[in-house]
Protein backbone atom coordinates (compact mmCIF):
# COMPACT_ATOMS: atom_id res chain seq x y z
CA UNK A 1 98.63 -12.77 164.48
CA UNK A 2 101.27 -15.46 164.43
CA UNK A 3 104.64 -14.75 166.06
CA UNK A 4 107.75 -16.65 164.98
CA UNK A 5 110.90 -17.04 167.05
CA UNK A 6 114.12 -16.03 165.42
CA UNK A 7 116.79 -18.51 166.38
CA UNK A 8 119.82 -17.21 168.32
CA UNK A 9 123.17 -16.71 166.56
CA UNK A 10 124.68 -19.84 168.09
CA UNK A 11 121.46 -21.92 167.63
CA UNK A 12 121.38 -24.20 164.46
CA UNK A 13 118.38 -23.49 162.18
CA UNK A 14 115.73 -26.21 161.91
CA UNK A 15 113.74 -27.55 158.95
CA UNK A 16 109.99 -28.17 158.89
CA UNK A 17 110.18 -31.61 160.51
CA UNK A 18 112.35 -30.38 163.40
CA UNK A 19 115.71 -31.54 162.05
CA UNK A 20 118.53 -29.12 162.17
CA UNK A 21 119.60 -27.57 158.85
CA UNK A 22 123.17 -28.91 159.25
CA UNK A 23 121.81 -32.46 159.65
CA UNK A 24 119.63 -32.11 156.59
CA UNK A 25 122.40 -30.70 154.45
CA UNK A 26 124.73 -33.50 155.48
CA UNK A 27 122.18 -36.16 154.74
CA UNK A 28 121.52 -34.81 151.23
CA UNK A 29 125.15 -34.27 150.23
CA UNK A 30 127.26 -37.04 148.76
CA UNK A 31 129.67 -38.67 151.24
CA UNK A 32 133.25 -39.93 151.20
CA UNK A 33 133.13 -43.69 151.03
CA UNK A 34 135.48 -44.00 153.96
CA UNK A 35 133.93 -41.30 156.24
CA UNK A 36 130.83 -39.43 157.02
CA UNK A 37 132.17 -36.14 155.67
CA UNK A 38 130.15 -34.72 152.73
CA UNK A 39 131.90 -34.38 149.43
CA UNK A 40 131.84 -30.94 147.59
CA UNK A 41 129.44 -30.71 144.67
CA UNK A 42 130.96 -30.53 141.32
CA UNK A 43 129.59 -28.93 138.13
CA UNK A 44 129.15 -32.13 136.19
CA UNK A 45 127.60 -33.86 139.33
CA UNK A 46 125.22 -30.96 139.75
CA UNK A 47 123.99 -31.23 136.15
CA UNK A 48 123.51 -34.98 136.54
CA UNK A 49 126.14 -35.94 133.97
CA UNK A 50 127.51 -39.57 134.29
CA UNK A 51 131.09 -39.78 135.41
CA UNK A 52 133.61 -41.76 133.30
CA UNK A 53 135.35 -44.78 134.98
CA UNK A 54 138.53 -42.83 135.81
CA UNK A 55 136.47 -40.12 137.65
CA UNK A 56 134.63 -42.94 139.44
CA UNK A 57 137.95 -44.45 140.56
CA UNK A 58 139.28 -41.07 141.85
CA UNK A 59 136.01 -40.48 143.79
CA UNK A 60 136.16 -43.91 145.45
CA UNK A 61 139.93 -43.95 146.07
CA UNK A 62 140.78 -40.33 146.67
CA UNK A 63 137.45 -38.69 147.56
CA UNK A 64 138.00 -36.46 144.57
CA UNK A 65 135.17 -34.95 142.45
CA UNK A 66 135.82 -34.63 138.61
CA UNK A 67 136.44 -30.86 139.07
CA UNK A 68 138.97 -31.51 141.73
CA UNK A 69 140.67 -34.09 139.61
CA UNK A 70 140.89 -31.55 136.68
CA UNK A 71 142.52 -29.09 138.99
CA UNK A 72 145.04 -31.68 139.99
CA UNK A 73 145.68 -32.71 136.42
CA UNK A 74 146.24 -29.10 135.36
CA UNK A 75 148.68 -28.58 138.15
CA UNK A 76 150.66 -31.66 137.24
CA UNK A 77 150.87 -30.57 133.61
CA UNK A 78 152.16 -27.22 134.62
CA UNK A 79 154.83 -28.87 136.70
CA UNK A 80 155.98 -30.97 133.73
CA UNK A 81 156.05 -27.91 131.50
CA UNK A 82 158.27 -26.05 133.94
CA UNK A 83 160.94 -28.67 133.46
CA UNK A 84 160.74 -28.56 129.70
CA UNK A 85 160.70 -24.79 129.63
CA UNK A 86 164.12 -24.63 131.31
CA UNK A 87 165.62 -26.70 128.55
CA UNK A 88 164.15 -24.78 125.74
CA UNK A 89 164.98 -21.39 127.17
CA UNK A 90 168.63 -22.34 127.55
CA UNK A 91 168.72 -23.70 124.00
CA UNK A 92 167.21 -20.54 122.63
CA UNK A 93 169.63 -18.37 124.56
CA UNK A 94 172.48 -20.30 123.03
CA UNK A 95 171.19 -20.13 119.54
CA UNK A 96 170.35 -16.40 119.76
CA UNK A 97 173.81 -15.48 120.88
CA UNK A 98 175.50 -17.82 118.38
CA UNK A 99 174.60 -15.49 115.43
CA UNK A 100 176.63 -12.65 116.87
CA UNK A 101 179.88 -14.64 117.27
CA UNK A 102 182.75 -14.16 114.80
CA UNK A 103 182.73 -17.81 113.75
CA UNK A 104 179.09 -17.50 112.54
CA UNK A 105 180.19 -15.57 109.45
CA UNK A 106 182.28 -18.57 108.11
CA UNK A 107 179.45 -21.08 108.24
CA UNK A 108 178.51 -22.92 105.02
CA UNK A 109 175.02 -22.54 103.51
CA UNK A 110 174.08 -26.03 104.87
CA UNK A 111 175.14 -25.02 108.40
CA UNK A 112 173.24 -21.76 108.24
CA UNK A 113 170.13 -23.49 107.06
CA UNK A 114 170.54 -25.98 109.98
CA UNK A 115 170.93 -23.07 112.34
CA UNK A 116 167.65 -21.55 111.00
CA UNK A 117 165.90 -24.88 111.53
CA UNK A 118 167.18 -25.06 115.14
CA UNK A 119 166.05 -21.63 115.86
CA UNK A 120 162.52 -22.13 114.38
CA UNK A 121 162.09 -25.48 116.28
CA UNK A 122 163.09 -23.99 119.50
CA UNK A 123 160.83 -21.01 119.14
CA UNK A 124 157.94 -23.28 118.10
CA UNK A 125 158.64 -25.48 121.10
CA UNK A 126 158.64 -22.47 123.46
CA UNK A 127 155.32 -21.19 121.95
CA UNK A 128 153.64 -24.54 122.73
CA UNK A 129 154.99 -24.83 126.18
CA UNK A 130 153.81 -21.37 127.09
CA UNK A 131 150.41 -21.92 125.35
CA UNK A 132 148.57 -23.19 128.50
CA UNK A 133 148.96 -19.82 130.20
CA UNK A 134 147.15 -17.63 127.58
CA UNK A 135 144.70 -20.50 126.94
CA UNK A 136 143.80 -20.49 130.64
CA UNK A 137 143.49 -16.81 130.76
CA UNK A 138 141.09 -16.80 127.65
CA UNK A 139 138.75 -19.52 129.07
CA UNK A 140 138.91 -18.27 132.67
CA UNK A 141 135.61 -18.39 134.59
CA UNK A 142 133.79 -20.08 131.60
CA UNK A 143 133.71 -23.57 133.02
CA UNK A 144 135.95 -24.98 130.35
CA UNK A 145 138.45 -26.64 132.72
CA UNK A 146 138.19 -30.05 130.96
CA UNK A 147 138.94 -28.52 127.56
CA UNK A 148 141.85 -26.58 129.27
CA UNK A 149 143.41 -29.75 130.63
CA UNK A 150 142.98 -31.71 127.33
CA UNK A 151 144.51 -28.81 125.31
CA UNK A 152 147.38 -28.31 127.80
CA UNK A 153 148.25 -31.88 127.68
CA UNK A 154 148.55 -31.83 123.90
CA UNK A 155 150.51 -28.55 124.01
CA UNK A 156 153.04 -30.19 126.41
CA UNK A 157 153.41 -33.35 124.31
CA UNK A 158 153.99 -31.53 121.04
CA UNK A 159 156.10 -28.95 122.74
CA UNK A 160 158.59 -31.55 124.06
CA UNK A 161 158.61 -33.32 120.65
CA UNK A 162 159.69 -30.01 119.01
CA UNK A 163 162.17 -29.57 121.79
CA UNK A 164 163.64 -32.91 121.08
CA UNK A 165 164.05 -32.06 117.42
CA UNK A 166 165.52 -28.68 118.31
CA UNK A 167 168.14 -30.36 120.60
CA UNK A 168 169.04 -32.90 117.94
CA UNK A 169 169.40 -30.28 115.22
CA UNK A 170 171.60 -28.10 117.47
CA UNK A 171 173.72 -31.06 118.28
CA UNK A 172 174.08 -31.87 114.58
CA UNK A 173 175.08 -28.23 113.85
CA UNK A 174 177.72 -28.15 116.47
CA UNK A 175 179.18 -31.55 115.52
CA UNK A 176 179.15 -30.71 111.86
CA UNK A 177 181.44 -27.86 112.62
CA UNK A 178 183.68 -29.92 114.99
CA UNK A 179 184.01 -33.38 113.47
CA UNK A 180 182.44 -33.21 110.02
CA UNK A 181 179.08 -34.17 108.47
CA UNK A 182 179.34 -37.96 108.37
CA UNK A 183 180.13 -38.48 112.05
CA UNK A 184 177.82 -35.68 113.06
CA UNK A 185 174.84 -37.33 111.40
CA UNK A 186 175.73 -40.68 113.12
CA UNK A 187 176.05 -39.14 116.60
CA UNK A 188 172.93 -36.91 116.13
CA UNK A 189 170.94 -39.93 114.95
CA UNK A 190 171.89 -41.95 117.94
CA UNK A 191 170.98 -39.11 120.22
CA UNK A 192 167.63 -38.81 118.59
CA UNK A 193 167.00 -42.47 119.14
CA UNK A 194 168.07 -42.11 122.79
CA UNK A 195 165.39 -39.32 123.22
CA UNK A 196 162.73 -41.44 121.57
CA UNK A 197 163.61 -44.45 123.70
CA UNK A 198 163.18 -42.78 127.09
CA UNK A 199 160.60 -40.03 126.09
CA UNK A 200 158.17 -42.22 124.06
CA UNK A 201 159.00 -45.94 123.83
CA UNK A 202 159.48 -46.55 127.52
CA UNK A 203 156.12 -44.90 128.54
CA UNK A 204 154.26 -46.58 125.85
CA UNK A 205 155.71 -49.98 126.77
CA UNK A 206 154.62 -49.40 130.34
CA UNK A 207 151.08 -48.49 129.14
CA UNK A 208 150.88 -51.55 126.89
CA UNK A 209 152.14 -53.89 129.75
CA UNK A 210 149.67 -52.34 132.20
CA UNK A 211 146.80 -52.84 129.77
CA UNK A 212 147.80 -56.39 129.12
CA UNK A 213 148.05 -57.14 132.80
CA UNK A 214 144.54 -55.64 133.33
CA UNK A 215 143.15 -57.93 130.64
CA UNK A 216 144.82 -60.97 132.28
CA UNK A 217 143.40 -59.96 135.69
CA UNK A 218 139.87 -59.63 134.17
CA UNK A 219 140.15 -62.94 132.47
CA UNK A 220 141.32 -64.58 135.72
CA UNK A 221 138.39 -63.08 137.59
CA UNK A 222 135.87 -64.19 134.94
CA UNK A 223 137.29 -67.78 135.03
CA UNK A 224 137.17 -67.80 138.85
CA UNK A 225 133.50 -66.67 138.96
CA UNK A 226 132.43 -68.98 136.10
CA UNK A 227 130.30 -71.84 137.69
CA UNK A 228 131.64 -75.42 137.27
CA UNK A 229 129.88 -77.48 134.56
């Protein structure tokens, strides 16, 4: 009969070759590039799927697995959506109360159509900005975090686009009542251009400039590494 000794509660378990279990687990787990601490395993890493360059950069610079990066991305998207939701909720509150004012009954057909457009655009924007919440609830615990982050990013982008159109249409409606159609169209058009400049053109220009700088850096590195003739 062979007797085996059960290790004490405070004694680390050992493997067959005498090493402690903690040492064995630490040696087999991926490690942070700047320390000896093991990194948590991620679903994609466990399945052996290759990481894209952005995930590789985050792993090297932040010690972030792809799943941790998705969690951070989703949190950042929700923070952005909260700011946009405040604007669309204030706009909808104004538009919904406007229909019950005495002045609303004297609006022209054009102004009423414009009011309906404002209301529909605001409601559609609000629907898209809230969409990440029910989307998350329906895919919860199904390992679809990457699809959730991708869909939420699109919801946020299209939601703020509709919010921009709703704000412009609301401004056009108010100015049409106050100063007339011609001046209202000019001011609303300028306001729309201002939104487009800072919401879309400025970020796009920054992306293009960064892409161009990266290409120049790669070209410079290639020329530096090229052996002389």
